[in-house]
Amino acid sequence: MPRCSIPKIQVIGVEPREAASMTAALKAGEVVELPSANTIADGTAVKAVGKQNLPYVQKYVDQILLVDDDELVGAFLEYGGEP
């Protein structure tokens, strides 16, 4: 279902605080490159978001939460994963 058909739904993104490339891009209104992206969440450790991704996030994501690596490690351990 398209998001606009259910107005109560909020889309919330999450990214590591030490690799907050989407947060930086949203603040700047354009893709920016971070000086570093050091996080245990290696799949999201990017210095810059993709040019094609940013417009979708600007249009459809209501909020982005930042999480610290300590929180990520705790979640990995709690749910049986390995950090």
C-alpha atoms as a PDB file:
ATOM      1  CA  MET A   1       0.000   0.000   0.000  1.00  0.00           C
ATOM      2  CA  PRO A   2       1.289   3.461  -0.725  1.00  0.00           C
ATOM      3  CA  ARG A   3       2.304   5.313   2.396  1.00  0.00           C
ATOM      4  CA  CYS A   4      -0.027   8.221   1.623  1.00  0.00           C
ATOM      5  CA  SER A   5      -3.063   5.911   1.904  1.00  0.00           C
ATOM      6  CA  ILE A   6      -2.326   5.366   5.617  1.00  0.00           C
ATOM      7  CA  PRO A   7      -1.427   8.798   7.008  1.00  0.00           C
ATOM      8  CA  LYS A   8      -0.853   7.525  10.584  1.00  0.00           C
ATOM      9  CA  ILE A   9       2.136   5.457   9.498  1.00  0.00           C
ATOM     10  CA  GLN A  10       5.552   6.925  10.159  1.00  0.00           C
ATOM     11  CA  VAL A  11       8.646   5.670   8.375  1.00  0.00           C
ATOM     12  CA  ILE A  12      11.650   5.791  10.667  1.00  0.00           C
ATOM     13  CA  GLY A  13      15.189   5.152   9.484  1.00  0.00           C
ATOM     14  CA  VAL A  14      18.099   4.136  11.689  1.00  0.00           C
ATOM     15  CA  GLU A  15      21.786   4.655  11.113  1.00  0.00           C
ATOM     16  CA  PRO A  16      24.955   4.468  13.200  1.00  0.00           C
ATOM     17  CA  ARG A  17      25.953   7.742  14.827  1.00  0.00           C
ATOM     18  CA  GLU A  18      29.554   7.312  13.596  1.00  0.00           C
ATOM     19  CA  ALA A  19      28.371   6.856   9.994  1.00  0.00           C
ATOM     20  CA  ALA A  20      25.424   9.253   9.846  1.00  0.00           C
ATOM     21  CA  SER A  21      25.720   9.964   6.139  1.00  0.00           C
ATOM     22  CA  MET A  22      21.967  10.135   5.491  1.00  0.00           C
ATOM     23  CA  THR A  23      21.441  12.502   8.419  1.00  0.00           C
ATOM     24  CA  ALA A  24      24.195  14.752   7.054  1.00  0.00           C
ATOM     25  CA  ALA A  25      22.718  14.640   3.552  1.00  0.00           C
ATOM     26  CA  LEU A  26      19.238  15.494   4.788  1.00  0.00           C
ATOM     27  CA  LYS A  27      20.583  18.413   6.792  1.00  0.00           C
ATOM     28  CA  ALA A  28      22.553  19.724   3.793  1.00  0.00           C
ATOM     29  CA  GLY A  29      19.810  18.994   1.274  1.00  0.00           C
ATOM     30  CA  GLU A  30      22.310  17.146  -0.894  1.00  0.00           C
ATOM     31  CA  VAL A  31      24.743  14.259  -0.802  1.00  0.00           C
ATOM     32  CA  VAL A  32      27.776  15.068   1.321  1.00  0.00           C
ATOM     33  CA  GLU A  33      30.839  13.007   2.159  1.00  0.00           C
ATOM     34  CA  LEU A  34      31.705  12.364   5.790  1.00  0.00           C
ATOM     35  CA  PRO A  35      35.383  12.411   6.765  1.00  0.00           C
ATOM     36  CA  SER A  36      35.002   8.863   8.142  1.00  0.00           C
ATOM     37  CA  ALA A  37      32.422   6.147   8.746  1.00  0.00           C
ATOM     38  CA  ASN A  38      33.765   3.973  11.541  1.00  0.00           C
ATOM     39  CA  THR A  39      31.123   1.686  13.007  1.00  0.00           C
ATOM     40  CA  ILE A  40      30.576  -1.935  13.887  1.00  0.00           C
ATOM     41  CA  ALA A  41      27.615  -1.870  11.482  1.00  0.00           C
ATOM     42  CA  ASP A  42      29.813  -2.380   8.440  1.00  0.00           C
ATOM     43  CA  GLY A  43      26.883  -2.729   6.033  1.00  0.00           C
ATOM     44  CA  THR A  44      25.888   0.876   6.732  1.00  0.00           C
ATOM     45  CA  ALA A  45      29.385   2.321   7.108  1.00  0.00           C
ATOM     46  CA  VAL A  46      29.310   4.607   4.111  1.00  0.00           C
ATOM     47  CA  LYS A  47      30.827   8.078   3.923  1.00  0.00           C
ATOM     48  CA  ALA A  48      28.176   9.253   1.444  1.00  0.00           C
ATOM     49  CA  VAL A  49      24.697   8.053   0.550  1.00  0.00           C
ATOM     50  CA  GLY A  50      23.764   7.266  -3.016  1.00  0.00           C
ATOM     51  CA  LYS A  51      22.460  10.096  -5.177  1.00  0.00           C
ATOM     52  CA  GLN A  52      19.430   7.992  -6.103  1.00  0.00           C
ATOM     53  CA  ASN A  53      18.612   7.102  -2.480  1.00  0.00           C
ATOM     54  CA  LEU A  54      18.460  10.610  -1.067  1.00  0.00           C
ATOM     55  CA  PRO A  55      15.294  11.780  -2.895  1.00  0.00           C
ATOM     56  CA  TYR A  56      13.378   8.706  -1.712  1.00  0.00           C
ATOM     57  CA  VAL A  57      14.409   9.271   1.884  1.00  0.00           C
ATOM     58  CA  GLN A  58      13.559  12.969   1.635  1.00  0.00           C
ATOM     59  CA  LYS A  59      10.108  12.087   0.352  1.00  0.00           C
ATOM     60  CA  TYR A  60       9.183   9.027   2.402  1.00  0.00           C
ATOM     61  CA  VAL A  61      11.154   8.942   5.667  1.00  0.00           C
ATOM     62  CA  ASP A  62       9.755  10.930   8.587  1.00  0.00           C
ATOM     63  CA  GLN A  63      12.677  10.619  10.965  1.00  0.00           C
ATOM     64  CA  ILE A  64      16.113   9.049  11.279  1.00  0.00           C
ATOM     65  CA  LEU A  65      17.331   7.765  14.618  1.00  0.00           C
ATOM     66  CA  LEU A  66      21.033   7.593  15.391  1.00  0.00           C
ATOM     67  CA  VAL A  67      22.391   4.698  17.428  1.00  0.00           C
ATOM     68  CA  ASP A  68      25.759   4.290  19.097  1.00  0.00           C
ATOM     69  CA  ASP A  69      27.919   1.218  18.537  1.00  0.00           C
ATOM     70  CA  ASP A  70      27.434   0.269  22.212  1.00  0.00           C
ATOM     71  CA  GLU A  71      23.694   0.046  21.588  1.00  0.00           C
ATOM     72  CA  LEU A  72      24.276  -2.049  18.480  1.00  0.00           C
ATOM     73  CA  VAL A  73      26.562  -4.474  20.316  1.00  0.00           C
ATOM     74  CA  GLY A  74      23.983  -4.803  23.088  1.00  0.00           C
ATOM     75  CA  ALA A  75      21.267  -5.596  20.554  1.00  0.00           C
ATOM     76  CA  PHE A  76      23.505  -8.139  18.766  1.00  0.00           C
ATOM     77  CA  LEU A  77      24.191  -9.924  22.031  1.00  0.00           C
ATOM     78  CA  GLU A  78      20.588  -9.783  23.231  1.00  0.00           C
ATOM     79  CA  TYR A  79      19.250 -11.350  20.070  1.00  0.00           C
ATOM     80  CA  GLY A  80      21.901 -14.039  19.751  1.00  0.00           C
ATOM     81  CA  GLY A  81      24.076 -12.507  17.090  1.00  0.00           C
ATOM     82  CA  GLU A  82      27.776 -11.923  17.238  1.00  0.00           C
ATOM     83  CA  PRO A  83      29.218  -8.399  17.241  1.00  0.00           C
END
